[in-house]
Protein backbone atom coordinates (compact mmCIF):
# COMPACT_ATOMS: atom_id res chain seq x y z
CA MET A 1 96.70 108.95 104.70
CA ASN A 2 94.58 108.94 107.92
CA LEU A 3 91.81 111.02 105.92
CA GLY A 4 87.86 109.87 106.38
CA PHE A 5 87.98 107.81 103.28
CA ASP A 6 90.53 105.55 104.58
CA SER A 7 89.44 105.40 107.70
CA THR A 8 85.97 103.66 107.44
CA GLY A 9 88.01 100.84 106.43
CA ILE A 10 85.01 99.99 103.77
CA ALA A 11 87.70 98.85 100.92
CA PHE A 12 88.33 96.13 103.68
CA ASP A 13 85.01 94.99 104.27
CA VAL A 14 83.42 91.59 103.03
CA ILE A 15 80.21 92.76 102.85
CA LEU A 16 80.84 95.93 100.49
CA TRP A 17 82.51 92.83 98.39
CA LYS A 18 80.11 90.43 98.41
CA ASP A 19 77.25 93.02 97.12
CA ILE A 20 79.72 93.52 94.59
CA LEU A 21 79.65 90.19 93.21
CA ARG A 22 76.19 89.86 93.18
CA VAL A 23 75.55 93.17 90.95
CA LEU A 24 78.48 91.70 88.07
CA LYS A 25 77.99 89.25 85.75
CA PRO A 26 79.56 86.03 85.79
CA GLY A 27 83.25 86.49 84.49
CA GLY A 28 82.68 90.51 85.43
CA HIS A 29 86.47 91.98 86.51
CA VAL A 30 87.52 93.95 89.66
CA ALA A 31 90.87 96.08 89.23
CA ALA A 32 91.03 97.90 93.16
CA PHE A 33 93.93 99.86 93.82
CA ALA A 34 95.74 99.59 97.41
CA ALA A 35 98.68 100.84 99.09
CA SER A 36 101.03 98.18 99.48
CA ARG A 37 101.26 97.77 103.54
CA THR A 38 97.71 96.82 103.13
CA TYR A 39 97.68 95.51 100.00
CA HIS A 40 96.77 92.17 101.63
CA ARG A 41 93.88 93.21 103.27
CA LEU A 42 92.09 94.03 100.12
CA ALA A 43 93.11 90.85 98.59
CA CYS A 44 91.55 88.65 101.83
CA ALA A 45 87.84 91.06 101.71
CA ILE A 46 87.68 90.45 98.07
CA GLU A 47 88.70 86.76 98.12
CA ASP A 48 86.66 86.01 100.90
CA ALA A 49 83.63 88.01 99.26
CA GLY A 50 83.42 85.14 96.48
CA PHE A 51 86.15 86.45 93.55
CA GLU A 52 89.18 84.75 92.33
CA ILE A 53 92.22 86.41 92.47
CA ARG A 54 93.30 86.56 89.44
CA ASP A 55 96.66 88.33 89.30
CA GLN A 56 98.16 91.62 90.73
CA ILE A 57 99.05 94.61 88.84
CA ASP A 58 101.90 97.09 90.12
CA TRP A 59 102.18 100.57 88.82
CA VAL A 60 105.15 101.78 89.24
CA TYR A 61 106.33 105.48 90.17
CA ALA A 62 109.07 108.13 91.10
CA SER A 63 107.81 110.86 92.68
CA GLY A 64 106.26 109.31 95.48
CA MET A 65 107.77 111.49 97.90
CA PRO A 66 109.20 109.92 101.70
CA HIS A 67 107.11 109.90 105.07
CA GLY A 68 108.45 108.49 107.51
CA SER A 69 110.16 109.46 111.01
CA ASP A 70 113.44 110.79 111.45
CA ALA A 71 114.83 108.31 114.23
CA ARG A 72 116.77 110.70 116.15
CA LEU A 73 114.53 113.50 116.06
CA LEU A 74 112.66 111.08 117.78
CA VAL A 75 115.14 110.40 119.86
CA ASP A 76 115.84 113.82 121.14
CA ARG A 77 112.34 114.36 120.59
CA GLU A 78 111.82 111.75 123.57
CA LEU A 79 115.00 113.03 126.06
CA GLY A 80 113.33 116.18 125.94
CA ALA A 81 116.42 117.69 124.34
CA GLU A 82 115.82 120.87 122.63
CA ARG A 83 118.24 121.96 119.23
CA THR A 84 120.37 124.39 119.55
CA HIS A 85 119.03 127.23 117.09
CA VAL A 86 121.50 127.53 113.72
CA ALA A 87 121.05 130.71 111.46
CA GLY A 88 119.77 130.14 107.81
CA LYS A 89 116.24 128.72 106.80
CA GLY A 90 115.61 126.34 103.33
CA HIS A 91 112.66 127.34 101.08
CA ALA A 92 109.27 125.01 100.63
CA GLY A 93 110.18 122.33 97.96
CA ALA A 94 113.73 122.44 98.35
CA GLY A 95 114.04 119.14 100.01
CA TYR A 96 118.05 118.25 101.19
CA SER A 97 120.52 120.50 98.33
CA ASP A 98 123.70 118.62 99.99
CA THR A 99 121.92 114.94 99.87
CA ASN A 100 121.49 114.61 95.80
CA GLY A 101 118.20 114.16 96.66
CA PHE A 102 118.13 111.01 99.99
CA GLY A 103 116.26 112.74 102.80
CA GLY A 104 113.38 114.27 103.78
CA SER A 105 111.82 117.64 101.85
CA SER A 106 111.66 120.44 103.18
CA THR A 107 107.87 120.63 104.21
CA ALA A 108 108.27 117.52 106.02
CA ASN A 109 111.24 118.95 108.48
CA GLY A 110 109.96 122.17 109.17
CA GLY A 111 111.96 123.91 106.15
CA LYS A 112 115.25 123.24 107.71
CA THR A 113 118.26 122.27 105.65
CA LYS A 114 120.27 118.99 106.02
CA SER A 115 123.18 121.17 107.86
CA GLU A 116 120.67 122.85 110.57
CA TRP A 117 119.89 118.83 111.61
CA ASP A 118 123.48 118.30 112.08
CA ALA A 119 123.13 120.74 115.03
CA LEU A 120 122.05 117.73 117.07
CA ALA A 121 120.81 118.01 121.25
CA THR A 122 121.86 114.64 122.24
CA GLU A 123 124.91 112.32 121.83
CA GLN A 124 121.97 109.45 121.96
CA GLY A 125 120.15 110.96 118.70
CA GLU A 126 122.89 111.10 117.13
CA GLN A 127 123.23 107.42 117.36
CA TRP A 128 120.32 106.79 114.93
CA SER A 129 121.32 109.34 112.09
CA GLY A 130 119.97 108.27 108.93
CA TRP A 131 117.14 105.72 110.20
CA TYR A 132 114.05 105.87 109.51
CA SER A 133 111.17 104.29 109.93
CA GLN A 134 109.44 103.72 106.24
CA LEU A 135 110.34 103.44 102.98
CA LYS A 136 110.09 105.96 100.38
CA PRO A 137 106.42 104.51 98.17
CA ALA A 138 107.07 104.01 94.40
CA HIS A 139 104.58 101.75 93.47
CA GLU A 140 100.89 100.62 94.26
CA PRO A 141 99.29 97.64 93.66
CA ILE A 142 96.04 97.18 92.02
CA CYS A 143 94.63 93.56 92.84
CA LEU A 144 93.23 92.18 89.56
CA ALA A 145 90.13 89.91 90.53
CA ARG A 146 87.44 87.90 89.04
CA LYS A 147 83.75 86.71 89.51
CA PRO A 148 83.37 83.08 88.88
CA LEU A 149 83.03 81.80 85.34
CA ASP A 150 79.58 80.03 83.99
CA GLY A 151 81.17 76.75 83.20
CA ASN A 152 84.45 76.93 81.67
CA LEU A 153 85.92 80.10 79.78
CA ALA A 154 84.25 80.05 75.97
CA HIS A 155 80.98 79.12 77.85
CA ASN A 156 80.80 81.78 79.75
CA LEU A 157 81.81 84.51 76.58
CA LEU A 158 79.31 82.85 74.41
CA GLY A 159 76.72 82.91 77.55
CA HIS A 160 77.38 86.16 79.23
CA GLY A 161 80.01 88.33 76.89
CA THR A 162 82.48 88.41 79.93
CA GLY A 163 85.91 86.36 81.54
CA ALA A 164 88.58 87.86 79.67
CA LEU A 165 91.08 90.41 79.20
CA HIS A 166 90.91 92.99 76.01
CA ILE A 167 95.23 92.21 75.68
CA ASP A 168 95.25 93.79 72.31
CA ALA A 169 93.94 97.26 73.46
CA CYS A 170 96.34 97.25 76.17
CA ARG A 171 99.84 95.88 74.40
CA VAL A 172 103.14 97.68 74.75
CA PRO A 173 104.04 99.33 71.51
CA PHE A 174 106.99 98.67 69.71
CA ARG A 175 109.38 101.76 70.28
CA ASN A 176 110.33 102.11 66.69
CA THR A 177 110.32 100.05 63.22
CA ALA A 178 113.67 98.74 64.10
CA ASP A 179 112.21 96.98 67.80
CA GLU A 180 109.76 95.74 65.88
CA LYS A 181 111.42 93.77 63.00
CA GLU A 182 113.83 92.71 65.59
CA SER A 183 111.14 91.11 68.48
CA LYS A 184 109.59 89.37 65.08
CA ASN A 185 112.02 87.76 63.75
CA LYS A 186 112.97 86.16 66.53
CA ASN A 187 109.84 84.81 66.43
CA ARG A 188 109.86 83.02 63.22
CA HIS A 189 109.23 79.90 64.64
CA ALA A 190 106.82 78.27 61.55
CA ASP A 191 109.78 79.46 59.61
CA PHE A 192 112.15 77.52 61.87
CA ASP A 193 110.22 74.78 61.64
CA SER A 194 109.88 74.64 65.43
CA GLY A 195 107.48 72.36 65.88
CA PRO A 196 105.06 72.07 69.14
CA ARG A 197 106.32 73.50 71.93
CA ASP A 198 107.50 71.24 74.64
CA ASN A 199 107.14 71.65 78.41
CA HIS A 200 108.80 69.38 81.37
CA ILE A 201 106.31 70.95 84.15
CA TYR A 202 103.17 71.51 81.94
CA GLY A 203 102.98 68.99 78.65
CA ALA A 204 103.90 69.70 75.39
CA ASP A 205 101.57 71.42 73.01
CA LYS A 206 99.70 69.72 70.08
CA ALA A 207 99.40 72.38 67.31
CA ASP A 208 102.91 73.94 65.90
CA ARG A 209 103.67 77.26 66.70
CA THR A 210 103.23 79.81 64.42
CA ASP A 211 104.84 83.25 62.94
CA TYR A 212 104.60 86.46 65.75
CA THR A 213 102.99 88.71 64.02
CA ALA A 214 100.99 90.99 66.88
CA GLU A 215 100.82 94.54 66.68
CA ALA A 216 102.51 95.42 69.67
CA ARG A 217 104.14 93.16 72.99
CA PHE A 218 101.87 91.03 75.12
CA THR A 219 99.97 93.19 78.13
CA PRO A 220 102.46 92.58 81.31
CA ASN A 221 101.23 92.80 84.90
CA MET A 222 103.81 95.80 85.50
CA LEU A 223 103.11 99.82 84.62
CA PHE A 224 105.95 101.89 85.03
CA ASP A 225 106.03 106.15 84.58
CA GLN A 226 107.81 107.34 82.40
CA SER A 227 110.67 108.91 84.86
CA THR A 228 110.53 105.17 86.56
CA ALA A 229 111.10 103.85 82.85
CA LYS A 230 114.13 106.03 82.20
CA GLU A 231 116.10 105.06 85.45
CA LEU A 232 115.65 101.33 84.14
CA ASP A 233 116.89 101.93 80.58
CA ARG A 234 119.85 104.12 82.51
CA GLN A 235 120.90 101.49 83.95
CA SER A 236 120.65 97.90 81.99
CA GLY A 237 121.61 100.21 79.55
CA VAL A 238 120.67 99.26 75.73
CA THR A 239 120.47 95.96 76.00
CA VAL A 240 120.33 92.90 73.60
CA SER A 241 118.76 89.81 74.24
CA ARG A 242 120.87 86.45 75.05
CA LYS A 243 122.17 84.67 72.46
CA GLY A 244 125.32 83.05 72.71
CA LYS A 245 123.71 80.13 74.77
CA PRO A 246 120.40 77.99 73.64
CA ARG A 247 117.55 77.61 75.99
CA ALA A 248 118.08 74.37 78.90
CA SER A 249 115.72 72.55 76.83
CA THR A 250 116.59 73.62 73.68
CA LYS A 251 119.40 71.67 72.28
CA PRO A 252 122.10 73.71 69.70
CA GLY A 253 119.90 74.58 66.27
CA ASP A 254 116.89 71.89 67.55
CA GLY A 255 113.93 74.53 65.82
CA TRP A 256 115.45 77.27 66.07
CA SER A 257 117.33 77.41 62.68
CA MET A 258 121.16 76.33 62.40
CA THR A 259 122.51 78.81 64.18
CA HIS A 260 123.74 78.29 68.36
CA THR A 261 120.18 79.66 69.14
CA GLY A 262 119.02 80.92 65.83
CA ALA A 263 116.65 83.78 65.73
CA GLU A 264 115.40 82.90 69.13
CA TYR A 265 117.69 85.97 71.00
CA ASP A 266 118.85 89.16 69.35
CA ASP A 267 116.25 92.09 70.40
CA ALA A 268 117.95 95.47 71.45
CA GLY A 269 116.65 98.30 73.38
CA GLY A 270 116.23 99.20 76.91
CA ALA A 271 114.78 97.24 79.37
CA SER A 272 111.21 99.03 79.58
CA ARG A 273 110.55 98.35 76.53
CA PHE A 274 108.58 95.49 77.79
CA TYR A 275 106.61 97.48 79.83
CA PRO A 276 103.49 100.19 79.23
CA VAL A 277 105.39 103.56 79.98
CA PHE A 278 102.45 105.91 80.83
CA ARG A 279 104.25 109.25 79.51
CA TYR A 280 104.25 112.97 80.71
CA CYS A 281 102.02 111.61 83.55
CA PRO A 282 104.48 110.48 86.19
CA LYS A 283 101.20 110.53 88.41
CA ALA A 284 98.74 112.53 87.64
CA GLY A 285 99.49 115.64 86.49
CA PRO A 286 98.43 119.52 87.52
CA GLY A 287 96.05 119.63 84.83
CA GLU A 288 94.32 116.73 86.46
CA ARG A 289 94.36 118.04 90.11
CA LEU A 290 91.35 119.70 90.02
CA THR A 291 91.21 122.09 92.99
CA VAL A 292 87.29 123.63 93.80
CA ASP A 293 87.23 126.26 96.57
CA GLY A 294 90.45 125.20 98.32
CA ILE A 295 89.17 121.38 97.98
CA LEU A 296 91.58 118.91 96.18
CA HIS A 297 92.11 114.93 95.54
CA PRO A 298 94.88 114.12 97.29
CA THR A 299 94.95 110.79 95.46
CA VAL A 300 94.12 111.54 91.77
CA LYS A 301 94.82 108.07 89.76
CA PRO A 302 96.70 109.54 86.25
CA LEU A 303 93.96 109.86 83.66
CA GLU A 304 96.29 107.73 81.05
CA LEU A 305 96.07 105.04 83.46
CA MET A 306 92.75 104.79 84.42
CA ARG A 307 92.00 104.54 80.44
CA TRP A 308 94.01 101.57 80.81
CA LEU A 309 92.81 99.54 82.96
CA VAL A 310 89.34 100.30 81.26
CA ARG A 311 90.28 98.70 78.04
CA LEU A 312 91.70 96.22 79.97
CA VAL A 313 88.61 94.63 81.98
CA THR A 314 85.71 96.31 80.59
CA PRO A 315 83.74 93.76 77.70
CA PRO A 316 81.79 94.99 74.55
CA ASP A 317 78.57 97.41 75.21
CA GLY A 318 80.41 96.78 78.95
CA LEU A 319 79.34 98.66 81.94
CA VAL A 320 81.63 100.18 84.86
CA LEU A 321 80.68 100.23 88.57
CA GLU A 322 83.11 102.64 90.47
CA PRO A 323 82.25 102.71 94.42
CA PHE A 324 85.06 105.23 95.16
CA ALA A 325 84.87 107.61 92.77
CA GLY A 326 86.92 110.39 94.48
CA SER A 327 87.98 113.61 91.64
CA GLY A 328 86.44 111.66 88.91
CA ALA A 329 89.21 109.81 86.88
CA THR A 330 87.48 106.51 86.26
CA LEU A 331 84.38 108.56 85.11
CA GLU A 332 86.30 110.69 82.37
CA ALA A 333 88.46 107.92 81.40
CA CYS A 334 85.70 106.05 80.77
CA ARG A 335 84.08 109.11 78.95
CA ILE A 336 87.04 109.05 76.96
CA GLU A 337 86.69 105.10 76.04
CA ASP A 338 82.73 105.68 75.17
CA VAL A 339 81.87 103.05 77.79
CA ARG A 340 78.95 103.69 80.51
CA CYS A 341 79.82 103.76 83.94
CA VAL A 342 77.90 104.22 86.87
CA ALA A 343 79.56 105.58 90.20
CA ALA A 344 79.49 106.60 93.87
CA GLU A 345 81.33 109.00 96.26
CA MET A 346 80.20 109.25 99.93
CA ASP A 347 81.66 113.07 99.84
CA SER A 348 80.24 115.90 98.47
CA ASP A 349 82.79 117.85 98.39
CA TYR A 350 84.70 115.71 95.92
CA VAL A 351 81.12 115.55 94.03
CA ARG A 352 82.54 119.32 93.22
CA LEU A 353 85.96 118.07 91.94
CA ILE A 354 84.02 115.68 89.83
CA ALA A 355 81.16 117.79 88.28
CA ARG A 356 84.25 120.32 87.49
CA ARG A 357 85.97 117.61 85.73
CA MET A 358 83.29 116.37 83.48
CA ALA A 359 82.83 119.32 82.40
CA ARG A 360 86.07 120.37 80.46
CA PRO A 361 86.74 118.61 77.23
CA THR A 362 88.15 115.03 75.97
CA ASN A 363 91.04 114.17 74.63
CA PRO A 364 91.28 110.92 73.14
CA VAL A 365 94.32 110.12 72.15
CA LEU A 366 96.47 107.79 74.85
CA PHE A 367 100.12 106.39 73.44
């Protein structure tokens, strides 16, 4: 965003991540937000410092605003052309009312409507109508890394109490009783006498498969806001997992009851049922965007999202290190989750925002 905390380049500094590596226990995790355009620089710095890159979590949202430049306006400006004055003006926040939600916002183009911008001054500019310099942001990558283990994972857990992710604390809740029943019925491996899982690439398992009895779906590496989840469900409709064709590696009736695929596939619902949906926070809501004497933070992370991350990576009796406190979302998330946190923030104005945030009462409900 070309602001002070962005221009330092500290997030891409290997020395910073080496210091963080130094104070973490073996198996300690890092969850670092990045811009989609410069994620590679962050990930390389973290890896070069000695961390193992474990995964990339994507937070997908629908509320991003396009910041790209309109190519036709730039061409007109380059040619020194002036636009013909057209009466009428849009209002701030209206956007382009006659483009069904597409195009730039009125706050970014000086308050004019699309019809006004159609009064172009040059033919050369008209040739580039509809062309822009970049896409609308709709996701934010989170680099998930881990300090190398002391031996194997079991040895590290016994010796340091770190190294694993708390999957059960972050599972995707079933939508309703019917969703849970259908999901578990299709995975009754013991009842179907499925036997050990075979795999041509990784080899066969030794133990027989057990029934699926988890209280929710396994935690994925994709997170949605509510608006994105609704759009996904609108496009997918109420889907039923395929059941007319067997797995490529499974013969009809082999380990899947006596039907073509038994109960392997059969659950129904919108596609978003497989992903965590942070309800009520399609980015940070107004209640989380605090202002103190005109000072506000431009990139406030949703509290629900930060609580989810704290639950995922923090071991029992763990301590969270937040080197970029910003508006204090991580601090508040840790307080609600009853997790210790040490944070740092370079901007004294943002420290005042943090103080205001931490003075508020807490809300312990996540889902």
